[in-house]
N, C-alpha and C. Protein backbone atom coordinates (compact mmCIF):
# COMPACT_ATOMS: atom_id res chain seq x y z
N MET A 1 60.17 -76.71 -120.15
CA MET A 1 60.34 -76.42 -118.74
C MET A 1 59.29 -77.13 -117.90
N ARG A 2 58.03 -77.14 -118.39
CA ARG A 2 56.96 -77.80 -117.66
C ARG A 2 57.19 -79.30 -117.61
N ARG A 3 57.68 -79.88 -118.70
CA ARG A 3 57.93 -81.32 -118.71
C ARG A 3 59.00 -81.68 -117.68
N TRP A 4 59.96 -80.85 -117.55
CA TRP A 4 61.06 -81.11 -116.60
C TRP A 4 60.52 -81.16 -115.17
N ARG A 5 59.67 -80.21 -114.79
CA ARG A 5 59.08 -80.20 -113.45
C ARG A 5 58.23 -81.45 -113.23
N TRP A 6 57.44 -81.78 -114.25
CA TRP A 6 56.59 -82.97 -114.18
C TRP A 6 57.44 -84.22 -113.99
N ALA A 7 58.51 -84.35 -114.71
CA ALA A 7 59.39 -85.52 -114.62
C ALA A 7 60.05 -85.61 -113.25
N VAL A 8 60.46 -84.47 -112.71
CA VAL A 8 61.07 -84.45 -111.37
C VAL A 8 60.05 -84.87 -110.32
N ALA A 9 58.82 -84.36 -110.42
CA ALA A 9 57.78 -84.71 -109.45
C ALA A 9 57.46 -86.20 -109.50
N VAL A 10 57.30 -86.75 -110.70
CA VAL A 10 57.01 -88.18 -110.84
C VAL A 10 58.18 -89.01 -110.32
N GLY A 11 59.39 -88.60 -110.65
CA GLY A 11 60.58 -89.31 -110.19
C GLY A 11 60.69 -89.30 -108.67
N ALA A 12 60.41 -88.15 -108.05
CA ALA A 12 60.48 -88.04 -106.59
C ALA A 12 59.43 -88.94 -105.93
N LEU A 13 58.22 -88.92 -106.46
CA LEU A 13 57.17 -89.79 -105.91
C LEU A 13 57.54 -91.26 -106.07
N GLY A 14 58.12 -91.60 -107.20
CA GLY A 14 58.55 -92.98 -107.42
C GLY A 14 59.62 -93.40 -106.43
N LEU A 15 60.57 -92.53 -106.16
CA LEU A 15 61.63 -92.84 -105.19
C LEU A 15 61.06 -93.01 -103.78
N ILE A 16 60.13 -92.14 -103.43
CA ILE A 16 59.50 -92.25 -102.10
C ILE A 16 58.76 -93.58 -101.99
N TRP A 17 58.01 -93.93 -103.04
CA TRP A 17 57.27 -95.19 -103.03
C TRP A 17 58.21 -96.38 -102.89
N LEU A 18 59.33 -96.37 -103.64
CA LEU A 18 60.29 -97.47 -103.56
C LEU A 18 60.96 -97.54 -102.19
N ALA A 19 61.28 -96.37 -101.65
CA ALA A 19 61.98 -96.32 -100.36
C ALA A 19 61.13 -96.84 -99.21
N THR A 20 59.82 -96.63 -99.30
CA THR A 20 58.95 -97.05 -98.19
C THR A 20 58.28 -98.39 -98.42
N ARG A 21 58.46 -98.96 -99.56
CA ARG A 21 57.79 -100.23 -99.89
C ARG A 21 58.36 -101.36 -99.02
N GLY A 22 57.50 -101.99 -98.23
CA GLY A 22 57.91 -103.15 -97.43
C GLY A 22 58.76 -102.80 -96.23
N VAL A 23 58.85 -101.54 -95.87
CA VAL A 23 59.68 -101.15 -94.73
C VAL A 23 58.78 -101.00 -93.51
N ASP A 24 59.12 -101.69 -92.43
CA ASP A 24 58.38 -101.57 -91.17
C ASP A 24 59.03 -100.48 -90.34
N LEU A 25 58.20 -99.67 -89.72
CA LEU A 25 58.73 -98.65 -88.82
C LEU A 25 59.25 -99.33 -87.56
N PRO A 26 60.32 -98.78 -86.96
CA PRO A 26 60.85 -99.41 -85.76
C PRO A 26 59.82 -99.39 -84.64
N SER A 27 59.76 -100.45 -83.89
CA SER A 27 58.85 -100.53 -82.75
C SER A 27 59.48 -101.45 -81.71
N ILE A 28 58.91 -101.42 -80.52
CA ILE A 28 59.40 -102.31 -79.47
C ILE A 28 58.97 -103.72 -79.83
N ALA A 29 59.92 -104.61 -79.83
CA ALA A 29 59.63 -106.00 -80.17
C ALA A 29 58.64 -106.58 -79.17
N ALA A 30 57.70 -107.36 -79.67
CA ALA A 30 56.68 -107.95 -78.80
C ALA A 30 57.29 -108.87 -77.76
N ASP A 31 58.42 -109.48 -78.09
CA ASP A 31 59.04 -110.41 -77.15
C ASP A 31 60.06 -109.75 -76.23
N GLU A 32 60.24 -108.43 -76.37
CA GLU A 32 61.19 -107.72 -75.51
C GLU A 32 60.58 -107.55 -74.11
N GLU A 33 61.37 -107.87 -73.11
CA GLU A 33 60.91 -107.81 -71.73
C GLU A 33 60.79 -106.36 -71.27
N PRO A 34 59.67 -105.98 -70.62
CA PRO A 34 59.56 -104.61 -70.10
C PRO A 34 60.58 -104.41 -68.97
N PRO A 35 61.01 -103.17 -68.73
CA PRO A 35 62.05 -102.93 -67.72
C PRO A 35 61.62 -103.26 -66.29
N ALA A 36 60.32 -103.20 -66.02
CA ALA A 36 59.85 -103.49 -64.67
C ALA A 36 58.52 -104.23 -64.72
N ARG A 37 58.35 -105.11 -63.75
CA ARG A 37 57.08 -105.80 -63.56
C ARG A 37 56.57 -105.43 -62.18
N VAL A 38 55.30 -105.08 -62.07
CA VAL A 38 54.70 -104.72 -60.79
C VAL A 38 53.60 -105.73 -60.50
N GLU A 39 53.70 -106.39 -59.34
CA GLU A 39 52.73 -107.42 -58.96
C GLU A 39 52.12 -107.07 -57.61
N ARG A 40 50.84 -107.31 -57.47
CA ARG A 40 50.18 -107.12 -56.18
C ARG A 40 50.68 -108.16 -55.18
N VAL A 41 50.88 -107.72 -53.94
CA VAL A 41 51.24 -108.64 -52.86
C VAL A 41 49.94 -109.10 -52.23
N GLU A 42 49.70 -110.39 -52.32
CA GLU A 42 48.45 -110.96 -51.82
C GLU A 42 48.23 -110.62 -50.35
N GLY A 43 47.01 -110.19 -50.02
CA GLY A 43 46.66 -109.89 -48.64
C GLY A 43 47.07 -108.50 -48.19
N SER A 44 47.50 -107.63 -49.12
CA SER A 44 47.88 -106.27 -48.74
C SER A 44 47.61 -105.32 -49.90
N ASP A 45 47.79 -104.03 -49.63
CA ASP A 45 47.66 -103.02 -50.68
C ASP A 45 48.99 -102.75 -51.36
N LEU A 46 50.02 -103.47 -50.94
CA LEU A 46 51.36 -103.23 -51.47
C LEU A 46 51.60 -103.97 -52.77
N LYS A 47 52.66 -103.54 -53.47
CA LYS A 47 53.04 -104.16 -54.73
C LYS A 47 54.52 -104.54 -54.69
N ARG A 48 54.85 -105.58 -55.41
CA ARG A 48 56.23 -106.05 -55.55
C ARG A 48 56.74 -105.53 -56.89
N ILE A 49 57.92 -104.94 -56.87
CA ILE A 49 58.54 -104.43 -58.10
C ILE A 49 59.69 -105.35 -58.46
N ILE A 50 59.70 -105.81 -59.70
CA ILE A 50 60.78 -106.68 -60.18
C ILE A 50 61.39 -105.99 -61.39
N LEU A 51 62.66 -105.62 -61.28
CA LEU A 51 63.36 -104.92 -62.36
C LEU A 51 64.23 -105.88 -63.17
N THR A 52 64.41 -105.56 -64.43
CA THR A 52 65.41 -106.28 -65.22
C THR A 52 66.78 -105.78 -64.78
N ALA A 53 67.81 -106.51 -65.12
CA ALA A 53 69.18 -106.10 -64.77
C ALA A 53 69.49 -104.75 -65.40
N LYS A 54 69.05 -104.56 -66.64
CA LYS A 54 69.31 -103.31 -67.36
C LYS A 54 68.61 -102.14 -66.66
N ALA A 55 67.37 -102.33 -66.23
CA ALA A 55 66.62 -101.27 -65.55
C ALA A 55 67.27 -100.92 -64.22
N ALA A 56 67.68 -101.92 -63.46
CA ALA A 56 68.33 -101.67 -62.17
C ALA A 56 69.61 -100.89 -62.36
N SER A 57 70.35 -101.23 -63.40
CA SER A 57 71.60 -100.53 -63.71
C SER A 57 71.32 -99.08 -64.10
N ARG A 58 70.33 -98.88 -64.95
CA ARG A 58 69.99 -97.52 -65.40
C ARG A 58 69.54 -96.64 -64.24
N LEU A 59 68.80 -97.22 -63.30
CA LEU A 59 68.34 -96.45 -62.15
C LEU A 59 69.45 -96.20 -61.14
N GLY A 60 70.54 -96.95 -61.24
CA GLY A 60 71.66 -96.77 -60.31
C GLY A 60 71.29 -97.19 -58.89
N ILE A 61 70.46 -98.20 -58.76
CA ILE A 61 69.99 -98.67 -57.45
C ILE A 61 71.18 -98.99 -56.55
N GLN A 62 71.14 -98.44 -55.32
CA GLN A 62 72.15 -98.77 -54.31
C GLN A 62 71.44 -99.25 -53.06
N ILE A 63 72.09 -100.16 -52.37
CA ILE A 63 71.49 -100.86 -51.23
C ILE A 63 72.35 -100.67 -49.98
N ALA A 64 71.70 -100.60 -48.83
CA ALA A 64 72.38 -100.59 -47.52
C ALA A 64 71.57 -101.47 -46.57
N ASP A 65 72.14 -101.78 -45.43
CA ASP A 65 71.44 -102.57 -44.42
C ASP A 65 70.83 -101.67 -43.36
N VAL A 66 69.70 -102.09 -42.83
CA VAL A 66 69.17 -101.46 -41.62
C VAL A 66 70.15 -101.83 -40.51
N THR A 67 70.54 -100.84 -39.71
CA THR A 67 71.50 -101.10 -38.64
C THR A 67 70.84 -100.90 -37.28
N GLU A 68 71.46 -101.45 -36.25
CA GLU A 68 71.04 -101.20 -34.87
C GLU A 68 72.19 -100.49 -34.18
N GLU A 69 71.86 -99.38 -33.55
CA GLU A 69 72.87 -98.60 -32.86
C GLU A 69 72.33 -98.13 -31.52
N LYS A 70 73.24 -97.82 -30.64
CA LYS A 70 72.88 -97.30 -29.31
C LYS A 70 72.56 -95.81 -29.46
N VAL A 71 71.34 -95.45 -29.08
CA VAL A 71 70.90 -94.05 -29.13
C VAL A 71 70.22 -93.73 -27.80
N ALA A 72 70.76 -92.77 -27.09
CA ALA A 72 70.19 -92.34 -25.80
C ALA A 72 69.90 -93.53 -24.88
N ASP A 73 70.90 -94.33 -24.65
CA ASP A 73 70.83 -95.48 -23.73
C ASP A 73 69.86 -96.58 -24.16
N LYS A 74 69.50 -96.61 -25.42
CA LYS A 74 68.67 -97.73 -25.92
C LYS A 74 69.15 -98.10 -27.32
N THR A 75 68.87 -99.31 -27.70
CA THR A 75 69.23 -99.76 -29.04
C THR A 75 68.10 -99.42 -29.99
N ALA A 76 68.45 -98.81 -31.13
CA ALA A 76 67.43 -98.39 -32.09
C ALA A 76 67.84 -98.79 -33.50
N LYS A 77 66.83 -99.05 -34.32
CA LYS A 77 67.08 -99.32 -35.74
C LYS A 77 67.32 -98.00 -36.45
N MET A 78 68.30 -98.01 -37.38
CA MET A 78 68.63 -96.79 -38.11
C MET A 78 68.76 -97.08 -39.60
N VAL A 79 68.39 -96.08 -40.40
CA VAL A 79 68.54 -96.15 -41.85
C VAL A 79 69.08 -94.81 -42.34
N PRO A 80 69.74 -94.79 -43.49
CA PRO A 80 70.15 -93.51 -44.07
C PRO A 80 68.91 -92.69 -44.45
N TYR A 81 68.99 -91.38 -44.31
CA TYR A 81 67.85 -90.52 -44.66
C TYR A 81 67.46 -90.71 -46.13
N ALA A 82 68.42 -90.99 -46.99
CA ALA A 82 68.15 -91.17 -48.42
C ALA A 82 67.22 -92.35 -48.69
N ALA A 83 67.09 -93.27 -47.74
CA ALA A 83 66.22 -94.44 -47.92
C ALA A 83 64.76 -94.12 -47.67
N LEU A 84 64.49 -93.00 -47.03
CA LEU A 84 63.14 -92.65 -46.60
C LEU A 84 62.35 -92.00 -47.73
N ILE A 85 61.07 -92.37 -47.86
CA ILE A 85 60.19 -91.69 -48.80
C ILE A 85 58.85 -91.45 -48.10
N TYR A 86 58.27 -90.29 -48.40
CA TYR A 86 56.97 -89.92 -47.83
C TYR A 86 55.90 -90.10 -48.90
N ASP A 87 54.79 -90.71 -48.53
CA ASP A 87 53.69 -90.83 -49.50
C ASP A 87 52.83 -89.55 -49.41
N PRO A 88 51.82 -89.40 -50.26
CA PRO A 88 51.01 -88.17 -50.25
C PRO A 88 50.29 -87.90 -48.93
N THR A 89 50.09 -88.91 -48.09
CA THR A 89 49.43 -88.70 -46.80
C THR A 89 50.43 -88.35 -45.70
N GLY A 90 51.72 -88.38 -46.01
CA GLY A 90 52.75 -88.09 -45.02
C GLY A 90 53.32 -89.33 -44.35
N ALA A 91 52.81 -90.51 -44.68
CA ALA A 91 53.34 -91.75 -44.11
C ALA A 91 54.75 -91.98 -44.64
N THR A 92 55.59 -92.60 -43.82
CA THR A 92 56.99 -92.82 -44.19
C THR A 92 57.23 -94.28 -44.52
N TRP A 93 58.08 -94.49 -45.53
CA TRP A 93 58.35 -95.82 -46.06
C TRP A 93 59.81 -95.96 -46.44
N VAL A 94 60.26 -97.20 -46.55
CA VAL A 94 61.53 -97.54 -47.19
C VAL A 94 61.23 -98.68 -48.16
N TYR A 95 62.11 -98.88 -49.11
CA TYR A 95 61.99 -100.04 -50.01
C TYR A 95 62.98 -101.10 -49.57
N THR A 96 62.47 -102.28 -49.24
CA THR A 96 63.34 -103.40 -48.90
C THR A 96 63.72 -104.13 -50.18
N ASN A 97 64.79 -104.90 -50.08
CA ASN A 97 65.33 -105.64 -51.23
C ASN A 97 65.50 -107.11 -50.82
N PRO A 98 64.37 -107.87 -50.78
CA PRO A 98 64.44 -109.25 -50.29
C PRO A 98 65.17 -110.21 -51.21
N GLN A 99 65.21 -109.90 -52.51
CA GLN A 99 65.92 -110.71 -53.50
C GLN A 99 66.54 -109.76 -54.51
N GLU A 100 67.49 -110.27 -55.27
CA GLU A 100 68.13 -109.44 -56.28
C GLU A 100 67.09 -108.87 -57.24
N ARG A 101 67.10 -107.54 -57.38
CA ARG A 101 66.23 -106.78 -58.29
C ARG A 101 64.74 -106.89 -57.95
N VAL A 102 64.42 -107.26 -56.70
CA VAL A 102 63.04 -107.32 -56.23
C VAL A 102 62.92 -106.33 -55.07
N PHE A 103 61.85 -105.51 -55.10
CA PHE A 103 61.71 -104.45 -54.11
C PHE A 103 60.29 -104.40 -53.57
N LEU A 104 60.18 -104.18 -52.25
CA LEU A 104 58.89 -104.08 -51.57
C LEU A 104 58.90 -102.84 -50.68
N ARG A 105 57.85 -102.05 -50.75
CA ARG A 105 57.74 -100.88 -49.88
C ARG A 105 57.36 -101.37 -48.48
N HIS A 106 58.03 -100.82 -47.46
CA HIS A 106 57.81 -101.24 -46.07
C HIS A 106 57.56 -99.99 -45.23
N ARG A 107 56.46 -99.96 -44.51
CA ARG A 107 56.10 -98.82 -43.66
C ARG A 107 57.07 -98.72 -42.50
N VAL A 108 57.49 -97.49 -42.19
CA VAL A 108 58.35 -97.23 -41.04
C VAL A 108 57.76 -96.09 -40.22
N VAL A 109 58.11 -96.06 -38.94
CA VAL A 109 57.73 -94.95 -38.07
C VAL A 109 59.03 -94.30 -37.62
N VAL A 110 59.15 -93.01 -37.89
CA VAL A 110 60.37 -92.26 -37.58
C VAL A 110 60.30 -91.76 -36.15
N ASP A 111 61.35 -92.07 -35.37
CA ASP A 111 61.48 -91.55 -34.02
C ASP A 111 62.10 -90.16 -34.08
N ASN A 112 63.23 -90.07 -34.79
CA ASN A 112 63.85 -88.76 -35.03
C ASN A 112 64.84 -88.86 -36.18
N ILE A 113 65.23 -87.69 -36.65
CA ILE A 113 66.20 -87.60 -37.75
C ILE A 113 67.37 -86.78 -37.25
N ALA A 114 68.57 -87.35 -37.38
CA ALA A 114 69.79 -86.66 -36.98
C ALA A 114 70.72 -86.63 -38.18
N ALA A 115 70.85 -85.45 -38.78
CA ALA A 115 71.68 -85.26 -39.98
C ALA A 115 71.19 -86.18 -41.09
N ASP A 116 72.03 -87.11 -41.51
CA ASP A 116 71.64 -88.00 -42.62
C ASP A 116 71.21 -89.39 -42.13
N ARG A 117 70.90 -89.52 -40.84
CA ARG A 117 70.49 -90.80 -40.26
C ARG A 117 69.08 -90.67 -39.68
N VAL A 118 68.28 -91.74 -39.86
CA VAL A 118 66.91 -91.76 -39.34
C VAL A 118 66.82 -92.85 -38.29
N VAL A 119 66.35 -92.48 -37.11
CA VAL A 119 66.12 -93.44 -36.04
C VAL A 119 64.66 -93.89 -36.16
N LEU A 120 64.46 -95.20 -36.25
CA LEU A 120 63.12 -95.76 -36.43
C LEU A 120 62.58 -96.33 -35.12
N SER A 121 61.31 -96.05 -34.83
CA SER A 121 60.67 -96.74 -33.71
C SER A 121 59.97 -98.00 -34.21
N GLU A 122 59.66 -98.04 -35.52
CA GLU A 122 59.11 -99.24 -36.16
C GLU A 122 59.66 -99.32 -37.57
N GLY A 123 59.95 -100.54 -37.99
CA GLY A 123 60.46 -100.73 -39.34
C GLY A 123 61.08 -102.10 -39.51
N PRO A 124 61.75 -102.32 -40.63
CA PRO A 124 62.36 -103.62 -40.88
C PRO A 124 63.44 -103.94 -39.85
N ALA A 125 63.70 -105.20 -39.66
CA ALA A 125 64.70 -105.66 -38.69
C ALA A 125 66.11 -105.27 -39.14
N ALA A 126 67.00 -105.21 -38.17
CA ALA A 126 68.41 -104.94 -38.47
C ALA A 126 68.92 -106.01 -39.43
N GLY A 127 69.71 -105.58 -40.40
CA GLY A 127 70.27 -106.50 -41.38
C GLY A 127 69.46 -106.60 -42.66
N VAL A 128 68.21 -106.13 -42.64
CA VAL A 128 67.39 -106.15 -43.86
C VAL A 128 67.97 -105.15 -44.85
N LYS A 129 68.05 -105.55 -46.09
CA LYS A 129 68.59 -104.69 -47.14
C LYS A 129 67.51 -103.70 -47.59
N ILE A 130 67.92 -102.42 -47.71
CA ILE A 130 67.00 -101.37 -48.15
C ILE A 130 67.66 -100.55 -49.25
N VAL A 131 66.84 -99.89 -50.04
CA VAL A 131 67.32 -99.06 -51.14
C VAL A 131 67.68 -97.68 -50.60
N THR A 132 68.85 -97.17 -51.02
CA THR A 132 69.26 -95.82 -50.63
C THR A 132 69.35 -94.87 -51.83
N VAL A 133 69.53 -95.41 -53.02
CA VAL A 133 69.54 -94.61 -54.25
C VAL A 133 68.57 -95.26 -55.23
N GLY A 134 67.64 -94.45 -55.74
CA GLY A 134 66.63 -94.96 -56.67
C GLY A 134 65.27 -95.10 -56.01
N VAL A 135 65.13 -94.59 -54.80
CA VAL A 135 63.88 -94.73 -54.04
C VAL A 135 62.71 -94.04 -54.75
N ALA A 136 62.89 -92.80 -55.15
CA ALA A 136 61.81 -92.06 -55.82
C ALA A 136 61.42 -92.73 -57.14
N GLU A 137 62.41 -93.26 -57.84
CA GLU A 137 62.13 -93.94 -59.11
C GLU A 137 61.30 -95.20 -58.88
N LEU A 138 61.63 -95.95 -57.84
CA LEU A 138 60.85 -97.16 -57.51
C LEU A 138 59.41 -96.79 -57.15
N TYR A 139 59.25 -95.70 -56.40
CA TYR A 139 57.91 -95.25 -56.03
C TYR A 139 57.12 -94.89 -57.30
N GLY A 140 57.77 -94.25 -58.24
CA GLY A 140 57.13 -93.92 -59.51
C GLY A 140 56.73 -95.16 -60.29
N VAL A 141 57.62 -96.14 -60.34
CA VAL A 141 57.31 -97.41 -61.03
C VAL A 141 56.12 -98.09 -60.36
N GLU A 142 56.14 -98.16 -59.04
CA GLU A 142 55.07 -98.83 -58.30
C GLU A 142 53.71 -98.18 -58.54
N ASN A 143 53.70 -96.87 -58.68
CA ASN A 143 52.45 -96.13 -58.81
C ASN A 143 52.12 -95.73 -60.24
N GLY A 144 52.86 -96.28 -61.21
CA GLY A 144 52.56 -96.02 -62.61
C GLY A 144 52.86 -94.61 -63.07
N LEU A 145 53.81 -93.95 -62.43
CA LEU A 145 54.19 -92.59 -62.81
C LEU A 145 55.42 -92.65 -63.70
N GLY A 146 55.31 -92.18 -64.90
CA GLY A 146 56.45 -92.16 -65.81
C GLY A 146 56.69 -93.43 -66.40
């Protein structure tokens, strides 16, 4: 009976040794591109975010244009409320999309908010592309969160 236990133990150890011999544990390939690259914008405290196509797809990034509309007898720039993000100091920002999968945070000044629309007194020009879905995720990427 003792020999049987001994034989089973030696056999099990031998199988484990054979199974793990020369096997590399899975890891991220050194040549695999990271999902996002964050670069400092020269001359400012801002950063440029560059996503891979796969990362942009996973985040579900959606884009809209800054619009100009007549509000109270004046023309004002407007953005969807979903595009707005507040930093820890309470400053308001949107992410612009100057090139495909490239994003820059842009400071805005809110005049007022009406339902799901934000009237800006300062911000990007009409026609500039801004992010409306994935804003919080971009902020996290820019600031090294997650």
